[in-house]
């Protein structure tokens, strides 16, 4: 399994979401974004039950694993979650996150992920309260805030995510000051070149971008120019 720690970017980690990639040539797409400077590959799993869409499963994760050296960040939008966690760990996932309301026992699901050798995290929809964090900070490696309602790519960023993001950053910093482990703070949904600086200023250190990356292909088929614009915007944050 690939180690979690990628080469550190200048400012922040950028995780292209393959939900917006060309699935007819997915191996080529993930190789191209890694070459352009991606830090993670974000892998959206939807079950047409927890969210109203159906996407991809462990077999696709296993298929793209040999194409990239960077970590694969699996976001489970499924209910229940426990049954499928081991499958994604075996398929090559490095990070697995899920929604607390999709698990009967959040602590057990987080433990399953870590026991399978992956980093574990919780995902919060725009309307999901942060109270789950009161009980599991010691079991988290990453917290993901949705800045759109999950289910479909290409949605507009929900501005009310920013104060929620600041609150999670406050909680993480307080936890760290007490000797707690490192916890990444990721944002997913509507992240673009023109708003990533605001998202970073609010506290995020990891940024999922789907259509903003895969919809900005360079003439040669790569993505270096859009990653350059993201890095420039982050440097100004």
Protein backbone atom coordinates (compact mmCIF):
# COMPACT_ATOMS: atom_id res chain seq x y z
CA UNK A 1 0.00 0.00 0.00
CA UNK A 2 1.27 3.49 -0.85
CA UNK A 3 2.27 5.59 2.16
CA UNK A 4 -0.09 8.40 3.11
CA UNK A 5 2.53 11.14 3.02
CA UNK A 6 2.83 12.58 -0.50
CA UNK A 7 5.46 15.08 -1.51
CA UNK A 8 4.34 18.23 0.31
CA UNK A 9 3.03 21.01 -1.92
CA UNK A 10 4.10 24.62 -1.38
CA UNK A 11 0.76 25.52 0.20
CA UNK A 12 -2.02 22.99 0.76
CA UNK A 13 -2.86 19.66 -0.82
CA UNK A 14 -4.92 19.46 -4.00
CA UNK A 15 -7.02 16.35 -4.56
CA UNK A 16 -8.65 16.10 -8.01
CA UNK A 17 -11.97 14.28 -7.87
CA UNK A 18 -12.21 11.67 -10.59
CA UNK A 19 -15.99 12.08 -10.54
CA UNK A 20 -15.36 14.76 -13.18
CA UNK A 21 -12.73 12.81 -15.14
CA UNK A 22 -13.18 11.12 -18.51
CA UNK A 23 -14.04 7.57 -17.45
CA UNK A 24 -13.30 6.21 -20.92
CA UNK A 25 -9.60 6.88 -20.21
CA UNK A 26 -9.41 6.96 -16.44
CA UNK A 27 -5.88 5.58 -16.13
CA UNK A 28 -4.57 8.31 -18.42
CA UNK A 29 -6.50 10.96 -16.48
CA UNK A 30 -5.11 10.03 -13.06
CA UNK A 31 -1.57 9.82 -14.45
CA UNK A 32 -1.99 13.26 -15.99
CA UNK A 33 -3.14 14.97 -12.78
CA UNK A 34 -0.37 13.31 -10.78
CA UNK A 35 2.17 14.57 -13.32
CA UNK A 36 0.63 18.05 -13.06
CA UNK A 37 1.11 18.19 -9.29
CA UNK A 38 -1.86 16.50 -7.61
CA UNK A 39 -1.23 15.42 -4.02
CA UNK A 40 -4.10 12.93 -3.74
CA UNK A 41 -6.66 11.26 -5.98
CA UNK A 42 -10.16 11.84 -4.59
CA UNK A 43 -12.47 8.88 -5.19
CA UNK A 44 -16.22 9.50 -4.78
CA UNK A 45 -18.32 6.44 -3.96
CA UNK A 46 -22.12 6.85 -4.24
CA UNK A 47 -24.71 4.12 -3.77
CA UNK A 48 -28.01 5.61 -5.02
CA UNK A 49 -29.26 5.15 -1.47
CA UNK A 50 -27.46 7.54 0.86
CA UNK A 51 -27.18 9.97 -2.09
CA UNK A 52 -29.25 10.05 -5.30
CA UNK A 53 -26.50 8.91 -7.63
CA UNK A 54 -24.54 5.76 -8.43
CA UNK A 55 -20.83 5.90 -9.22
CA UNK A 56 -17.90 3.55 -8.71
CA UNK A 57 -16.68 0.85 -6.35
CA UNK A 58 -13.61 -1.06 -5.17
CA UNK A 59 -12.86 -2.64 -8.56
CA UNK A 60 -12.27 0.79 -10.09
CA UNK A 61 -10.08 1.78 -7.14
CA UNK A 62 -8.05 -1.39 -7.64
CA UNK A 63 -7.77 -0.63 -11.36
CA UNK A 64 -6.33 2.86 -10.93
CA UNK A 65 -4.03 1.98 -8.01
CA UNK A 66 -1.11 0.88 -10.27
CA UNK A 67 -1.37 4.10 -12.30
CA UNK A 68 -0.43 6.52 -9.49
CA UNK A 69 2.01 6.68 -6.60
CA UNK A 70 0.11 9.36 -4.66
CA UNK A 71 -2.51 8.37 -2.07
CA UNK A 72 -6.10 7.52 -3.01
CA UNK A 73 -8.62 9.38 -0.85
CA UNK A 74 -11.90 7.41 -0.80
CA UNK A 75 -15.05 9.31 0.21
CA UNK A 76 -17.87 6.88 1.01
CA UNK A 77 -21.33 8.29 0.35
CA UNK A 78 -22.96 4.95 1.15
CA UNK A 79 -25.14 3.49 3.86
CA UNK A 80 -24.22 1.31 5.67
CA UNK A 81 -20.46 1.78 5.49
CA UNK A 82 -18.90 -1.09 7.46
CA UNK A 83 -19.45 -3.79 4.84
CA UNK A 84 -17.47 -1.99 2.14
CA UNK A 85 -14.56 -0.57 4.17
CA UNK A 86 -12.38 -3.73 3.95
CA UNK A 87 -12.97 -3.95 0.18
CA UNK A 88 -11.59 -0.46 -0.40
CA UNK A 89 -8.64 -1.06 1.91
CA UNK A 90 -7.74 -4.18 -0.09
CA UNK A 91 -8.24 -2.27 -3.35
CA UNK A 92 -5.51 0.22 -2.45
CA UNK A 93 -7.21 3.09 -0.66
CA UNK A 94 -4.99 5.10 1.68
CA UNK A 95 -7.65 7.33 3.25
CA UNK A 96 -11.29 6.38 3.84
CA UNK A 97 -13.89 8.87 5.02
CA UNK A 98 -17.61 8.42 5.66
CA UNK A 99 -20.64 10.37 6.87
CA UNK A 100 -21.45 9.83 10.58
CA UNK A 101 -25.18 9.56 9.91
CA UNK A 102 -24.46 6.62 7.57
CA UNK A 103 -22.90 4.52 10.35
CA UNK A 104 -24.68 2.77 13.20
CA UNK A 105 -21.51 2.97 15.32
CA UNK A 106 -19.14 5.77 14.29
CA UNK A 107 -16.35 4.66 16.63
CA UNK A 108 -16.44 1.13 15.26
CA UNK A 109 -16.37 2.30 11.65
CA UNK A 110 -13.38 4.55 12.31
CA UNK A 111 -11.62 1.68 14.07
CA UNK A 112 -12.30 -0.64 11.12
CA UNK A 113 -10.65 1.81 8.75
CA UNK A 114 -7.53 2.17 10.88
CA UNK A 115 -7.31 -1.56 11.55
CA UNK A 116 -7.34 -2.08 7.77
CA UNK A 117 -4.24 0.11 7.49
CA UNK A 118 -5.87 3.30 6.19
CA UNK A 119 -6.24 6.81 7.53
CA UNK A 120 -9.77 7.48 8.83
CA UNK A 121 -12.05 10.47 8.70
CA UNK A 122 -15.56 11.87 9.02
CA UNK A 123 -17.47 13.86 6.42
CA UNK A 124 -19.94 16.62 7.30
CA UNK A 125 -22.66 17.76 4.93
CA UNK A 126 -23.55 21.48 4.94
CA UNK A 127 -26.43 20.87 7.40
CA UNK A 128 -24.74 18.18 9.53
CA UNK A 129 -23.83 19.43 13.04
CA UNK A 130 -20.26 19.12 14.25
CA UNK A 131 -21.27 17.49 17.55
CA UNK A 132 -19.91 14.11 16.40
CA UNK A 133 -16.42 15.58 16.78
CA UNK A 134 -16.95 15.90 20.52
CA UNK A 135 -16.41 12.17 20.94
CA UNK A 136 -13.96 10.96 18.29
CA UNK A 137 -11.14 13.48 17.82
CA UNK A 138 -8.60 10.89 18.99
CA UNK A 139 -9.68 8.52 16.21
CA UNK A 140 -9.48 10.96 13.27
CA UNK A 141 -6.77 11.58 10.71
CA UNK A 142 -8.89 13.84 8.50
CA UNK A 143 -12.12 15.85 8.65
CA UNK A 144 -13.90 16.58 5.37
CA UNK A 145 -16.43 19.39 5.07
CA UNK A 146 -18.81 19.27 2.14
CA UNK A 147 -19.30 22.70 0.61
CA UNK A 148 -22.12 21.37 -1.60
CA UNK A 149 -24.85 18.85 -0.92
CA UNK A 150 -23.35 15.48 -1.91
CA UNK A 151 -24.46 13.48 -4.91
CA UNK A 152 -23.36 15.34 -8.03
CA UNK A 153 -20.28 17.14 -9.32
CA UNK A 154 -20.16 20.67 -10.71
CA UNK A 155 -22.23 22.34 -7.97
CA UNK A 156 -21.73 25.88 -6.66
CA UNK A 157 -19.78 26.42 -3.43
CA UNK A 158 -22.06 27.06 -0.41
CA UNK A 159 -20.67 30.17 1.29
CA UNK A 160 -21.98 29.20 4.74
CA UNK A 161 -19.30 26.49 4.74
CA UNK A 162 -16.67 29.12 5.57
CA UNK A 163 -17.71 29.83 9.18
CA UNK A 164 -18.18 26.11 9.75
CA UNK A 165 -14.69 25.57 8.38
CA UNK A 166 -13.28 28.14 10.81
CA UNK A 167 -14.94 26.33 13.70
CA UNK A 168 -13.43 22.99 12.69
CA UNK A 169 -10.02 24.62 12.34
CA UNK A 170 -10.44 26.02 15.86
CA UNK A 171 -11.26 22.55 17.17
CA UNK A 172 -8.29 20.96 15.43
CA UNK A 173 -5.88 23.63 16.68
CA UNK A 174 -7.20 23.23 20.23
CA UNK A 175 -6.83 19.47 19.98
CA UNK A 176 -3.26 19.78 18.71
CA UNK A 177 -2.38 22.23 21.47
CA UNK A 178 -3.40 19.55 23.98
CA UNK A 179 -1.00 17.06 22.43
CA UNK A 180 -3.41 15.46 19.96
CA UNK A 181 -2.43 13.91 16.64
CA UNK A 182 -2.32 15.76 13.32
CA UNK A 183 -5.71 16.01 11.60
CA UNK A 184 -6.09 17.22 8.02
CA UNK A 185 -8.96 19.56 7.15
CA UNK A 186 -10.38 18.91 3.70
CA UNK A 187 -13.07 20.77 1.73
CA UNK A 188 -15.04 19.27 -1.16
CA UNK A 189 -17.50 20.98 -3.49
CA UNK A 190 -17.32 23.97 -5.80
CA UNK A 191 -13.65 24.68 -5.06
CA UNK A 192 -12.20 26.75 -7.89
CA UNK A 193 -9.25 29.01 -8.61
CA UNK A 194 -11.27 32.10 -7.70
CA UNK A 195 -12.34 30.90 -4.23
CA UNK A 196 -9.60 28.53 -3.05
CA UNK A 197 -7.73 31.36 -1.28
CA UNK A 198 -10.81 32.16 0.82
CA UNK A 199 -11.24 28.47 1.66
CA UNK A 200 -7.59 28.24 2.71
CA UNK A 201 -7.82 31.41 4.78
CA UNK A 202 -10.76 29.86 6.66
CA UNK A 203 -8.57 26.94 7.69
CA UNK A 204 -8.56 24.21 5.04
CA UNK A 205 -5.30 22.50 4.13
CA UNK A 206 -6.63 19.94 1.62
CA UNK A 207 -8.82 20.86 -1.36
CA UNK A 208 -10.95 18.60 -3.54
CA UNK A 209 -11.48 19.98 -7.04
CA UNK A 210 -13.35 18.10 -9.72
CA UNK A 211 -14.75 20.03 -12.67
CA UNK A 212 -12.33 22.90 -11.96
CA UNK A 213 -9.47 20.53 -12.77
CA UNK A 214 -10.83 18.07 -15.29
CA UNK A 215 -12.73 20.78 -17.16
CA UNK A 216 -9.53 22.76 -17.72
CA UNK A 217 -7.41 20.33 -19.73
CA UNK A 218 -4.36 21.79 -21.45
CA UNK A 219 -4.05 21.45 -25.25
CA UNK A 220 -1.52 18.65 -24.75
CA UNK A 221 -3.94 16.72 -22.55
CA UNK A 222 -2.26 17.61 -19.27
CA UNK A 223 -3.34 19.85 -16.41
CA UNK A 224 -0.23 21.83 -15.45
CA UNK A 225 -1.71 25.26 -16.14
CA UNK A 226 -4.75 24.80 -13.87
CA UNK A 227 -2.57 23.44 -11.07
CA UNK A 228 -0.31 26.44 -11.51
CA UNK A 229 -3.28 28.77 -11.10
CA UNK A 230 -4.40 26.91 -7.96
CA UNK A 231 -0.91 27.17 -6.46
CA UNK A 232 -0.69 30.88 -7.24
CA UNK A 233 -4.06 31.48 -5.59
CA UNK A 234 -3.05 29.46 -2.52
CA UNK A 235 0.20 31.41 -2.22
CA UNK A 236 -1.86 34.59 -1.88
CA UNK A 237 -4.09 33.15 0.88
